[in-house]
C-alpha atoms as a PDB file:
ATOM      1  CA  MET A   1      94.431  49.042  78.629  1.00  0.00           C
ATOM      2  CA  LYS A   2      96.318  49.124  81.975  1.00  0.00           C
ATOM      3  CA  GLU A   3      96.790  52.633  81.702  1.00  0.00           C
ATOM      4  CA  ARG A   4      93.018  53.401  81.081  1.00  0.00           C
ATOM      5  CA  LYS A   5      92.525  51.334  83.831  1.00  0.00           C
ATOM      6  CA  ARG A   6      94.551  53.179  86.028  1.00  0.00           C
ATOM      7  CA  SER A   7      94.200  56.859  85.031  1.00  0.00           C
ATOM      8  CA  PRO A   8      90.794  57.221  86.915  1.00  0.00           C
ATOM      9  CA  LEU A   9      92.149  55.811  89.908  1.00  0.00           C
ATOM     10  CA  LEU A  10      95.469  58.000  89.722  1.00  0.00           C
ATOM     11  CA  ARG A  11      93.188  61.358  88.859  1.00  0.00           C
ATOM     12  CA  LEU A  12      91.011  60.034  92.062  1.00  0.00           C
ATOM     13  CA  GLY A  13      94.330  59.925  94.231  1.00  0.00           C
ATOM     14  CA  LEU A  14      95.422  63.174  93.208  1.00  0.00           C
ATOM     15  CA  LEU A  15      92.278  64.339  94.674  1.00  0.00           C
ATOM     16  CA  ALA A  16      93.582  64.063  98.241  1.00  0.00           C
ATOM     17  CA  PRO A  17      96.086  66.025  98.134  1.00  0.00           C
ATOM     18  CA  LEU A  18      94.235  68.665  96.642  1.00  0.00           C
ATOM     19  CA  LEU A  19      91.923  68.476  99.305  1.00  0.00           C
ATOM     20  CA  LEU A  20      94.827  68.530 102.164  1.00  0.00           C
ATOM     21  CA  ALA A  21      96.364  71.729 100.904  1.00  0.00           C
ATOM     22  CA  VAL A  22      93.012  73.013 100.661  1.00  0.00           C
ATOM     23  CA  MET A  23      92.182  72.042 104.629  1.00  0.00           C
ATOM     24  CA  THR A  24      95.635  73.348 105.608  1.00  0.00           C
ATOM     25  CA  ALA A  25      95.141  76.687 103.911  1.00  0.00           C
ATOM     26  CA  SER A  26      91.532  76.763 106.249  1.00  0.00           C
ATOM     27  CA  LEU A  27      93.460  76.429 109.077  1.00  0.00           C
ATOM     28  CA  CYS A  28      96.121  78.666 108.589  1.00  0.00           C
ATOM     29  CA  LEU A  29      94.385  81.444 106.777  1.00  0.00           C
ATOM     30  CA  GLY A  30      91.928  84.281 108.087  1.00  0.00           C
ATOM     31  CA  SER A  31      91.929  87.445 109.395  1.00  0.00           C
ATOM     32  CA  ALA A  32      94.521  86.760 111.984  1.00  0.00           C
ATOM     33  CA  GLY A  33      97.034  84.534 109.782  1.00  0.00           C
ATOM     34  CA  LEU A  34      98.950  81.153 111.322  1.00  0.00           C
ATOM     35  CA  THR A  35     101.816  79.506 110.190  1.00  0.00           C
ATOM     36  CA  LEU A  36     102.114  75.550 109.989  1.00  0.00           C
ATOM     37  CA  GLN A  37     104.880  75.977 113.212  1.00  0.00           C
ATOM     38  CA  GLU A  38     102.463  78.389 115.020  1.00  0.00           C
ATOM     39  CA  LEU A  39      99.570  75.852 114.649  1.00  0.00           C
ATOM     40  CA  TRP A  40     102.370  73.146 115.859  1.00  0.00           C
ATOM     41  CA  ASN A  41     103.684  75.385 119.098  1.00  0.00           C
ATOM     42  CA  CYS A  42      99.890  76.276 120.182  1.00  0.00           C
ATOM     43  CA  LEU A  43      99.292  72.770 120.632  1.00  0.00           C
ATOM     44  CA  GLN A  44     101.976  72.999 123.554  1.00  0.00           C
ATOM     45  CA  ASP A  45     100.070  75.911 125.170  1.00  0.00           C
ATOM     46  CA  PRO A  46      96.561  75.918 125.314  1.00  0.00           C
ATOM     47  CA  ALA A  47      96.321  79.391 127.032  1.00  0.00           C
ATOM     48  CA  SER A  48      97.917  81.058 123.694  1.00  0.00           C
ATOM     49  CA  PRO A  49      95.624  83.070 121.535  1.00  0.00           C
ATOM     50  CA  ALA A  50      96.324  80.775 118.349  1.00  0.00           C
ATOM     51  CA  TYR A  51      94.932  77.896 120.439  1.00  0.00           C
ATOM     52  CA  ARG A  52      91.851  79.457 120.944  1.00  0.00           C
ATOM     53  CA  ILE A  53      91.983  80.910 117.206  1.00  0.00           C
ATOM     54  CA  LEU A  54      92.460  76.928 116.134  1.00  0.00           C
ATOM     55  CA  PHE A  55      90.190  74.888 118.527  1.00  0.00           C
ATOM     56  CA  TYR A  56      87.278  77.820 118.972  1.00  0.00           C
ATOM     57  CA  ALA A  57      87.263  78.984 115.217  1.00  0.00           C
ATOM     58  CA  ARG A  58      89.564  77.420 112.674  1.00  0.00           C
ATOM     59  CA  LEU A  59      88.994  73.469 113.409  1.00  0.00           C
ATOM     60  CA  PRO A  60      85.517  73.645 113.661  1.00  0.00           C
ATOM     61  CA  ARG A  61      84.791  75.809 110.779  1.00  0.00           C
ATOM     62  CA  MET A  62      87.445  73.449 108.845  1.00  0.00           C
ATOM     63  CA  LEU A  63      85.968  69.932 109.769  1.00  0.00           C
ATOM     64  CA  GLY A  64      82.443  71.246 109.070  1.00  0.00           C
ATOM     65  CA  GLY A  65      83.196  72.484 106.006  1.00  0.00           C
ATOM     66  CA  LEU A  66      84.276  68.782 105.044  1.00  0.00           C
ATOM     67  CA  LEU A  67      81.656  67.098 106.563  1.00  0.00           C
ATOM     68  CA  ALA A  68      79.243  69.714 104.400  1.00  0.00           C
ATOM     69  CA  GLY A  69      80.870  69.411 101.198  1.00  0.00           C
ATOM     70  CA  ALA A  70      81.211  66.099 101.266  1.00  0.00           C
ATOM     71  CA  SER A  71      77.624  65.250 102.476  1.00  0.00           C
ATOM     72  CA  LEU A  72      75.608  67.438  99.758  1.00  0.00           C
ATOM     73  CA  ALA A  73      77.482  66.736  96.828  1.00  0.00           C
ATOM     74  CA  VAL A  74      77.331  62.645  97.667  1.00  0.00           C
ATOM     75  CA  SER A  75      73.459  63.819  98.164  1.00  0.00           C
ATOM     76  CA  GLY A  76      73.008  64.976  94.842  1.00  0.00           C
ATOM     77  CA  ALA A  77      74.611  62.273  93.124  1.00  0.00           C
ATOM     78  CA  LEU A  78      72.450  60.066  94.762  1.00  0.00           C
ATOM     79  CA  LEU A  79      69.202  61.869  93.989  1.00  0.00           C
ATOM     80  CA  GLN A  80      70.477  62.375  90.498  1.00  0.00           C
ATOM     81  CA  ASN A  81      71.000  58.637  89.758  1.00  0.00           C
ATOM     82  CA  VAL A  82      67.829  57.807  91.484  1.00  0.00           C
ATOM     83  CA  LEU A  83      65.738  60.365  90.009  1.00  0.00           C
ATOM     84  CA  ASN A  84      67.683  59.926  86.158  1.00  0.00           C
ATOM     85  CA  ASN A  85      67.901  63.685  86.342  1.00  0.00           C
ATOM     86  CA  SER A  86      70.949  65.891  86.069  1.00  0.00           C
ATOM     87  CA  LEU A  87      69.177  68.764  87.450  1.00  0.00           C
ATOM     88  CA  ALA A  88      68.176  67.060  90.987  1.00  0.00           C
ATOM     89  CA  GLY A  89      70.339  68.389  93.524  1.00  0.00           C
ATOM     90  CA  PRO A  90      69.385  68.918  97.584  1.00  0.00           C
ATOM     91  CA  ASN A  91      68.480  72.711  96.754  1.00  0.00           C
ATOM     92  CA  ILE A  92      66.734  72.631  93.441  1.00  0.00           C
ATOM     93  CA  ILE A  93      64.309  69.971  94.304  1.00  0.00           C
ATOM     94  CA  GLY A  94      63.169  70.970  97.701  1.00  0.00           C
ATOM     95  CA  VAL A  95      65.181  68.824  99.911  1.00  0.00           C
ATOM     96  CA  ASN A  96      67.396  71.460 101.736  1.00  0.00           C
ATOM     97  CA  ALA A  97      64.528  73.155 102.335  1.00  0.00           C
ATOM     98  CA  GLY A  98      62.657  70.312 104.159  1.00  0.00           C
ATOM     99  CA  ALA A  99      65.692  69.951 106.039  1.00  0.00           C
ATOM    100  CA  GLY A 100      65.862  73.779 106.898  1.00  0.00           C
ATOM    101  CA  LEU A 101      62.675  73.642 107.845  1.00  0.00           C
ATOM    102  CA  GLY A 102      63.150  70.613 110.364  1.00  0.00           C
ATOM    103  CA  ALA A 103      65.984  72.198 112.004  1.00  0.00           C
ATOM    104  CA  LEU A 104      64.106  75.636 112.475  1.00  0.00           C
ATOM    105  CA  LEU A 105      61.523  74.085 114.229  1.00  0.00           C
ATOM    106  CA  VAL A 106      64.038  72.278 116.751  1.00  0.00           C
ATOM    107  CA  MET A 107      65.324  76.297 116.843  1.00  0.00           C
ATOM    108  CA  ALA A 108      61.908  77.918 117.433  1.00  0.00           C
ATOM    109  CA  ILE A 109      60.932  74.743 120.296  1.00  0.00           C
ATOM    110  CA  SER A 110      64.855  74.936 122.005  1.00  0.00           C
ATOM    111  CA  PRO A 111      67.583  76.518 120.224  1.00  0.00           C
ATOM    112  CA  MET A 112      69.832  74.661 122.649  1.00  0.00           C
ATOM    113  CA  ALA A 113      68.680  71.475 121.287  1.00  0.00           C
ATOM    114  CA  PHE A 114      71.717  71.344 118.429  1.00  0.00           C
ATOM    115  CA  ARG A 115      71.650  67.817 119.095  1.00  0.00           C
ATOM    116  CA  LEU A 116      68.030  67.328 117.606  1.00  0.00           C
ATOM    117  CA  MET A 117      69.028  68.960 114.336  1.00  0.00           C
ATOM    118  CA  PRO A 118      70.572  66.430 112.363  1.00  0.00           C
ATOM    119  CA  ALA A 119      67.243  63.715 113.035  1.00  0.00           C
ATOM    120  CA  ALA A 120      64.712  66.577 112.614  1.00  0.00           C
ATOM    121  CA  ALA A 121      66.968  68.286 109.576  1.00  0.00           C
ATOM    122  CA  PHE A 122      66.473  64.422 108.279  1.00  0.00           C
ATOM    123  CA  ALA A 123      62.974  63.887 108.675  1.00  0.00           C
ATOM    124  CA  GLY A 124      62.258  67.187 106.372  1.00  0.00           C
ATOM    125  CA  ALA A 125      64.621  66.280 103.971  1.00  0.00           C
ATOM    126  CA  LEU A 126      63.190  62.709 103.757  1.00  0.00           C
ATOM    127  CA  LEU A 127      59.644  64.003 103.357  1.00  0.00           C
ATOM    128  CA  ALA A 128      60.713  66.242 100.253  1.00  0.00           C
ATOM    129  CA  ALA A 129      62.768  63.760  98.830  1.00  0.00           C
ATOM    130  CA  LEU A 130      60.074  61.095  99.341  1.00  0.00           C
ATOM    131  CA  PHE A 131      57.488  63.751  97.577  1.00  0.00           C
ATOM    132  CA  ILE A 132      59.692  64.174  94.477  1.00  0.00           C
ATOM    133  CA  TYR A 133      60.289  60.321  94.423  1.00  0.00           C
ATOM    134  CA  ALA A 134      55.899  59.588  94.368  1.00  0.00           C
ATOM    135  CA  VAL A 135      55.704  62.198  91.292  1.00  0.00           C
ATOM    136  CA  ALA A 136      58.210  60.311  89.626  1.00  0.00           C
ATOM    137  CA  ALA A 137      57.003  57.108  90.452  1.00  0.00           C
ATOM    138  CA  PHE A 138      53.351  57.374  90.243  1.00  0.00           C
ATOM    139  CA  THR A 139      53.170  60.305  87.374  1.00  0.00           C
ATOM    140  CA  GLY A 140      55.926  59.108  85.127  1.00  0.00           C
ATOM    141  CA  ALA A 141      56.849  62.968  85.120  1.00  0.00           C
ATOM    142  CA  SER A 142      59.697  64.598  82.822  1.00  0.00           C
ATOM    143  CA  ARG A 143      62.980  65.758  83.918  1.00  0.00           C
ATOM    144  CA  THR A 144      61.488  69.160  83.748  1.00  0.00           C
ATOM    145  CA  THR A 145      58.091  68.445  85.440  1.00  0.00           C
ATOM    146  CA  LEU A 146      60.441  67.159  88.128  1.00  0.00           C
ATOM    147  CA  VAL A 147      62.251  70.094  88.713  1.00  0.00           C
ATOM    148  CA  LEU A 148      58.995  72.067  88.350  1.00  0.00           C
ATOM    149  CA  ALA A 149      57.567  69.663  91.321  1.00  0.00           C
ATOM    150  CA  GLY A 150      60.804  70.396  93.481  1.00  0.00           C
ATOM    151  CA  VAL A 151      60.459  73.953  92.754  1.00  0.00           C
ATOM    152  CA  ALA A 152      56.616  73.820  94.034  1.00  0.00           C
ATOM    153  CA  ILE A 153      57.357  72.022  97.105  1.00  0.00           C
ATOM    154  CA  SER A 154      60.503  74.221  98.402  1.00  0.00           C
ATOM    155  CA  SER A 155      57.653  77.221  97.576  1.00  0.00           C
ATOM    156  CA  VAL A 156      55.305  75.546 100.112  1.00  0.00           C
ATOM    157  CA  ILE A 157      58.303  74.453 102.446  1.00  0.00           C
ATOM    158  CA  ASN A 158      59.331  78.142 102.157  1.00  0.00           C
ATOM    159  CA  ALA A 159      55.881  79.281 103.271  1.00  0.00           C
ATOM    160  CA  ALA A 160      55.853  77.464 106.207  1.00  0.00           C
ATOM    161  CA  SER A 161      59.413  78.637 107.679  1.00  0.00           C
ATOM    162  CA  ALA A 162      57.823  82.072 106.965  1.00  0.00           C
ATOM    163  CA  CYS A 163      54.672  81.170 109.250  1.00  0.00           C
ATOM    164  CA  ILE A 164      57.288  79.934 111.543  1.00  0.00           C
ATOM    165  CA  LYS A 165      59.320  83.371 111.939  1.00  0.00           C
ATOM    166  CA  THR A 166      56.078  85.574 112.289  1.00  0.00           C
ATOM    167  CA  PHE A 167      55.406  83.184 115.378  1.00  0.00           C
ATOM    168  CA  PHE A 168      58.836  83.319 116.687  1.00  0.00           C
ATOM    169  CA  PRO A 169      60.341  86.704 116.019  1.00  0.00           C
ATOM    170  CA  GLU A 170      63.267  86.233 117.633  1.00  0.00           C
ATOM    171  CA  LEU A 171      64.541  83.639 115.412  1.00  0.00           C
ATOM    172  CA  ALA A 172      64.221  86.494 112.621  1.00  0.00           C
ATOM    173  CA  ILE A 173      68.481  87.373 113.384  1.00  0.00           C
ATOM    174  CA  ALA A 174      69.597  83.620 113.809  1.00  0.00           C
ATOM    175  CA  TYR A 175      67.737  82.599 110.604  1.00  0.00           C
ATOM    176  CA  THR A 176      69.205  84.887 108.143  1.00  0.00           C
ATOM    177  CA  SER A 177      72.645  83.407 108.567  1.00  0.00           C
ATOM    178  CA  PHE A 178      71.148  79.763 108.040  1.00  0.00           C
ATOM    179  CA  SER A 179      68.906  80.697 105.013  1.00  0.00           C
ATOM    180  CA  ILE A 180      72.094  81.626 103.472  1.00  0.00           C
ATOM    181  CA  GLY A 181      74.168  78.940 104.367  1.00  0.00           C
ATOM    182  CA  SER A 182      77.312  79.688 107.043  1.00  0.00           C
ATOM    183  CA  LEU A 183      80.107  77.599 108.503  1.00  0.00           C
ATOM    184  CA  ALA A 184      80.877  80.698 110.525  1.00  0.00           C
ATOM    185  CA  ASN A 185      79.657  79.739 113.885  1.00  0.00           C
ATOM    186  CA  VAL A 186      79.875  75.964 113.926  1.00  0.00           C
ATOM    187  CA  SER A 187      80.983  73.940 116.842  1.00  0.00           C
ATOM    188  CA  LEU A 188      82.522  71.349 117.180  1.00  0.00           C
ATOM    189  CA  ASP A 189      79.715  69.626 118.938  1.00  0.00           C
ATOM    190  CA  GLN A 190      77.290  70.683 116.149  1.00  0.00           C
ATOM    191  CA  VAL A 191      79.951  68.906 113.537  1.00  0.00           C
ATOM    192  CA  GLY A 192      80.087  65.654 115.486  1.00  0.00           C
ATOM    193  CA  TRP A 193      76.327  65.110 116.311  1.00  0.00           C
ATOM    194  CA  ALA A 194      76.015  65.653 112.597  1.00  0.00           C
ATOM    195  CA  ALA A 195      78.645  63.093 112.039  1.00  0.00           C
ATOM    196  CA  LEU A 196      76.891  60.424 113.957  1.00  0.00           C
ATOM    197  CA  TYR A 197      74.704  60.495 111.183  1.00  0.00           C
ATOM    198  CA  ALA A 198      76.840  61.416 107.926  1.00  0.00           C
ATOM    199  CA  LEU A 199      79.633  59.280 107.955  1.00  0.00           C
ATOM    200  CA  PRO A 200      77.827  55.837 107.959  1.00  0.00           C
ATOM    201  CA  ALA A 201      75.666  57.435 104.986  1.00  0.00           C
ATOM    202  CA  LEU A 202      78.338  58.445 103.120  1.00  0.00           C
ATOM    203  CA  LEU A 203      80.248  54.914 103.806  1.00  0.00           C
ATOM    204  CA  LEU A 204      76.894  53.282 102.641  1.00  0.00           C
ATOM    205  CA  ALA A 205      76.836  55.526  99.454  1.00  0.00           C
ATOM    206  CA  LEU A 206      80.145  53.709  98.790  1.00  0.00           C
ATOM    207  CA  VAL A 207      79.004  50.582  98.961  1.00  0.00           C
ATOM    208  CA  LEU A 208      75.931  50.779  96.893  1.00  0.00           C
ATOM    209  CA  SER A 209      77.608  52.473  94.076  1.00  0.00           C
ATOM    210  CA  HIS A 210      78.099  49.366  91.931  1.00  0.00           C
ATOM    211  CA  ASP A 211      74.426  48.920  92.571  1.00  0.00           C
ATOM    212  CA  MET A 212      74.020  52.777  91.431  1.00  0.00           C
ATOM    213  CA  ASN A 213      75.452  51.713  87.669  1.00  0.00           C
ATOM    214  CA  ILE A 214      73.172  49.133  87.732  1.00  0.00           C
ATOM    215  CA  LEU A 215      70.028  51.342  88.579  1.00  0.00           C
ATOM    216  CA  ALA A 216      71.556  53.514  85.840  1.00  0.00           C
ATOM    217  CA  LEU A 217      71.021  51.162  83.412  1.00  0.00           C
ATOM    218  CA  GLY A 218      66.979  51.790  83.428  1.00  0.00           C
ATOM    219  CA  GLU A 219      64.297  50.048  85.683  1.00  0.00           C
ATOM    220  CA  GLU A 220      63.749  46.457  83.336  1.00  0.00           C
ATOM    221  CA  THR A 221      67.454  46.126  82.740  1.00  0.00           C
ATOM    222  CA  ALA A 222      68.049  46.471  86.399  1.00  0.00           C
ATOM    223  CA  ALA A 223      65.488  43.914  87.443  1.00  0.00           C
ATOM    224  CA  SER A 224      66.393  41.495  85.069  1.00  0.00           C
ATOM    225  CA  LEU A 225      70.005  41.977  86.471  1.00  0.00           C
ATOM    226  CA  GLY A 226      68.505  40.648  90.050  1.00  0.00           C
ATOM    227  CA  LEU A 227      68.324  44.469  91.436  1.00  0.00           C
ATOM    228  CA  HIS A 228      65.230  45.247  93.822  1.00  0.00           C
ATOM    229  CA  VAL A 229      64.699  48.494  92.036  1.00  0.00           C
ATOM    230  CA  ASN A 230      62.207  50.312  94.413  1.00  0.00           C
ATOM    231  CA  ARG A 231      64.307  49.141  97.344  1.00  0.00           C
ATOM    232  CA  TYR A 232      67.110  50.362  96.284  1.00  0.00           C
ATOM    233  CA  ARG A 233      65.982  53.362  94.939  1.00  0.00           C
ATOM    234  CA  PHE A 234      64.042  54.346  98.819  1.00  0.00           C
ATOM    235  CA  ILE A 235      67.654  53.013 100.407  1.00  0.00           C
ATOM    236  CA  LEU A 236      69.339  55.787  98.116  1.00  0.00           C
ATOM    237  CA  ILE A 237      66.653  58.442  99.003  1.00  0.00           C
ATOM    238  CA  VAL A 238      67.087  57.776 102.461  1.00  0.00           C
ATOM    239  CA  LEU A 239      70.879  58.253 102.535  1.00  0.00           C
ATOM    240  CA  SER A 240      70.604  61.419 100.255  1.00  0.00           C
ATOM    241  CA  ALA A 241      68.163  62.737 103.103  1.00  0.00           C
ATOM    242  CA  VAL A 242      70.241  61.812 105.543  1.00  0.00           C
ATOM    243  CA  LEU A 243      73.206  63.489 104.133  1.00  0.00           C
ATOM    244  CA  ALA A 244      71.387  66.690 103.179  1.00  0.00           C
ATOM    245  CA  GLY A 245      70.137  66.946 106.590  1.00  0.00           C
ATOM    246  CA  ALA A 246      73.387  66.085 108.532  1.00  0.00           C
ATOM    247  CA  ALA A 247      74.881  69.294 106.386  1.00  0.00           C
ATOM    248  CA  VAL A 248      71.952  71.498 106.513  1.00  0.00           C
ATOM    249  CA  SER A 249      71.596  70.815 110.461  1.00  0.00           C
ATOM    250  CA  PHE A 250      74.919  73.120 111.170  1.00  0.00           C
ATOM    251  CA  GLY A 251      75.859  74.802 107.541  1.00  0.00           C
ATOM    252  CA  GLY A 252      72.564  76.271 106.954  1.00  0.00           C
ATOM    253  CA  LEU A 253      70.554  76.460 103.516  1.00  0.00           C
ATOM    254  CA  ILE A 254      74.228  75.895 100.961  1.00  0.00           C
ATOM    255  CA  GLY A 255      73.523  75.739  97.816  1.00  0.00           C
ATOM    256  CA  PHE A 256      74.792  74.403  94.511  1.00  0.00           C
ATOM    257  CA  VAL A 257      77.429  72.021  95.773  1.00  0.00           C
ATOM    258  CA  GLY A 258      75.351  69.148  95.228  1.00  0.00           C
ATOM    259  CA  LEU A 259      73.706  70.191  91.756  1.00  0.00           C
ATOM    260  CA  LEU A 260      77.065  70.937  90.567  1.00  0.00           C
ATOM    261  CA  VAL A 261      79.492  69.107  92.095  1.00  0.00           C
ATOM    262  CA  PRO A 262      78.418  65.417  90.905  1.00  0.00           C
ATOM    263  CA  HIS A 263      78.543  67.330  87.369  1.00  0.00           C
ATOM    264  CA  ILE A 264      82.386  67.985  87.764  1.00  0.00           C
ATOM    265  CA  ALA A 265      83.113  64.424  89.482  1.00  0.00           C
ATOM    266  CA  ARG A 266      81.413  62.504  85.744  1.00  0.00           C
ATOM    267  CA  MET A 267      83.538  65.193  83.665  1.00  0.00           C
ATOM    268  CA  LEU A 268      86.701  64.290  84.961  1.00  0.00           C
ATOM    269  CA  PHE A 269      85.815  60.176  85.926  1.00  0.00           C
ATOM    270  CA  GLY A 270      82.847  59.325  83.660  1.00  0.00           C
ATOM    271  CA  GLY A 271      79.726  57.624  84.489  1.00  0.00           C
ATOM    272  CA  ASP A 272      81.051  55.260  87.139  1.00  0.00           C
ATOM    273  CA  ASN A 273      79.782  55.729  89.753  1.00  0.00           C
ATOM    274  CA  ARG A 274      82.503  53.653  91.780  1.00  0.00           C
ATOM    275  CA  LEU A 275      84.369  56.682  90.835  1.00  0.00           C
ATOM    276  CA  VAL A 276      82.054  59.418  91.130  1.00  0.00           C
ATOM    277  CA  VAL A 277      80.596  58.982  94.223  1.00  0.00           C
ATOM    278  CA  PRO A 278      84.336  59.375  96.047  1.00  0.00           C
ATOM    279  CA  ALA A 279      85.034  61.852  93.510  1.00  0.00           C
ATOM    280  CA  SER A 280      82.257  63.566  94.394  1.00  0.00           C
ATOM    281  CA  ALA A 281      82.858  63.649  98.430  1.00  0.00           C
ATOM    282  CA  LEU A 282      86.009  64.871  97.725  1.00  0.00           C
ATOM    283  CA  LEU A 283      85.566  67.104  95.568  1.00  0.00           C
ATOM    284  CA  GLY A 284      82.531  68.503  96.998  1.00  0.00           C
ATOM    285  CA  ALA A 285      85.048  69.044 100.426  1.00  0.00           C
ATOM    286  CA  ALA A 286      87.205  70.924  98.943  1.00  0.00           C
ATOM    287  CA  ALA A 287      84.578  73.155  96.621  1.00  0.00           C
ATOM    288  CA  LEU A 288      82.812  74.303 100.158  1.00  0.00           C
ATOM    289  CA  LEU A 289      86.488  74.862 102.178  1.00  0.00           C
ATOM    290  CA  LEU A 290      87.982  76.783  98.685  1.00  0.00           C
ATOM    291  CA  CYS A 291      84.563  78.940  98.921  1.00  0.00           C
ATOM    292  CA  ASP A 292      84.590  79.343 102.420  1.00  0.00           C
ATOM    293  CA  LEU A 293      87.738  80.568 102.219  1.00  0.00           C
ATOM    294  CA  LEU A 294      87.424  83.028  99.477  1.00  0.00           C
ATOM    295  CA  GLY A 295      84.814  84.722 101.312  1.00  0.00           C
ATOM    296  CA  ARG A 296      86.787  85.307 104.959  1.00  0.00           C
ATOM    297  CA  LEU A 297      89.660  86.831 102.599  1.00  0.00           C
ATOM    298  CA  LEU A 298      88.268  88.590  99.914  1.00  0.00           C
ATOM    299  CA  PHE A 299      86.795  91.565 101.796  1.00  0.00           C
ATOM    300  CA  ALA A 300      88.835  90.903 104.987  1.00  0.00           C
ATOM    301  CA  PRO A 301      88.073  91.905 107.893  1.00  0.00           C
ATOM    302  CA  PHE A 302      84.290  91.795 106.834  1.00  0.00           C
ATOM    303  CA  GLU A 303      83.442  88.372 105.915  1.00  0.00           C
ATOM    304  CA  LEU A 304      81.129  87.182 103.298  1.00  0.00           C
ATOM    305  CA  HIS A 305      79.027  83.724 104.283  1.00  0.00           C
ATOM    306  CA  VAL A 306      80.202  80.869 102.056  1.00  0.00           C
ATOM    307  CA  GLY A 307      76.456  80.132 100.736  1.00  0.00           C
ATOM    308  CA  ILE A 308      77.215  84.018  99.099  1.00  0.00           C
ATOM    309  CA  VAL A 309      80.444  82.828  97.222  1.00  0.00           C
ATOM    310  CA  LEU A 310      78.733  80.034  96.327  1.00  0.00           C
ATOM    311  CA  SER A 311      75.833  81.519  95.018  1.00  0.00           C
ATOM    312  CA  VAL A 312      77.927  84.108  92.535  1.00  0.00           C
ATOM    313  CA  VAL A 313      80.392  80.724  91.512  1.00  0.00           C
ATOM    314  CA  GLY A 314      77.716  78.196  91.180  1.00  0.00           C
ATOM    315  CA  GLY A 315      75.652  80.520  89.386  1.00  0.00           C
ATOM    316  CA  ILE A 316      77.728  81.074  86.590  1.00  0.00           C
ATOM    317  CA  TYR A 317      79.023  77.443  86.352  1.00  0.00           C
ATOM    318  CA  PHE A 318      75.711  76.614  86.044  1.00  0.00           C
ATOM    319  CA  ILE A 319      74.858  78.891  83.008  1.00  0.00           C
ATOM    320  CA  PHE A 320      78.119  77.743  81.369  1.00  0.00           C
ATOM    321  CA  LEU A 321      76.821  74.640  81.526  1.00  0.00           C
ATOM    322  CA  ILE A 322      73.436  75.418  80.293  1.00  0.00           C
ATOM    323  CA  LEU A 323      75.236  77.376  77.407  1.00  0.00           C
ATOM    324  CA  LYS A 324      77.802  74.148  76.859  1.00  0.00           C
ATOM    325  CA  ARG A 325      75.284  71.837  76.161  1.00  0.00           C
ATOM    326  CA  LYS A 326      73.468  71.917  72.853  1.00  0.00           C
ATOM    327  CA  GLY A 327      69.538  73.164  73.187  1.00  0.00           C
ATOM    328  CA  GLY A 328      70.466  73.691  76.742  1.00  0.00           C
ATOM    329  CA  ARG A 329      70.249  70.328  77.767  1.00  0.00           C
ATOM    330  CA  LEU A 330      72.296  68.752  80.677  1.00  0.00           C
ATOM    331  CA  SER A 331      73.786  65.531  80.565  1.00  0.00           C
END
């Protein structure tokens, strides 16, 4: 019995060195390779090319990948719990699209106001998430209907984004990269401002993971155990929107992380959200960094946006999940 209890925690602990290895590779590998010794030496010489590569390109990109990957994966885990729908993900049900619309409005009004992007992206993500929650709460919609409602709201939001690009054509080039999802031009300032929103939300998600287990038992059971169901669902939706908005504000419309990583976490650790939430954060960060690294190396010196790599990998894995489940239903 003790070994069984220790086993999931041991596997969770093994994710930390895996993430550390991917972080190290992200700093060292690229069009200009750097050894660990060169990274250490450049700290003593701010005028060296290695120093500029590290602090103006590799480090912001690595930290951005960590934050965006963890945020999107935990956002997906929260949405899947709240909506009781394994197909729920920030990019599937329109949360990412709402966040993108908020960020696009800031870009149109003041391109240099990057400090406002996380707040604007959060507002857009929250509105989209609340719309989906309203559909679930007031219509008793099925899982498929919820996904279709998300597709519908995504379509409306994308139409609004297209209108903005029509009136502000100078945004077209910048928004192309944004809509695909990229970490190529991330700065430390952007990541820092997004972290002010995302890190407290990640911590609170960990704190509430026990209540997520109770919520997963069903409304009546959760209420009988003393959980204020509506209050906790609303809090989890807000947290999901904060996390998705923070990631989108600097990384763009990165897809599939929030949908697939929670599935992998549950496959490895079961249904206990006290393990699924931290595992999703670690796996999401590692997956996004790894895909970003592949985008840099596969066709070097040319570079693929991380969103392209994730779309290919995520699409293949999603089809695998569908084929694996009898009747095409995801658990």
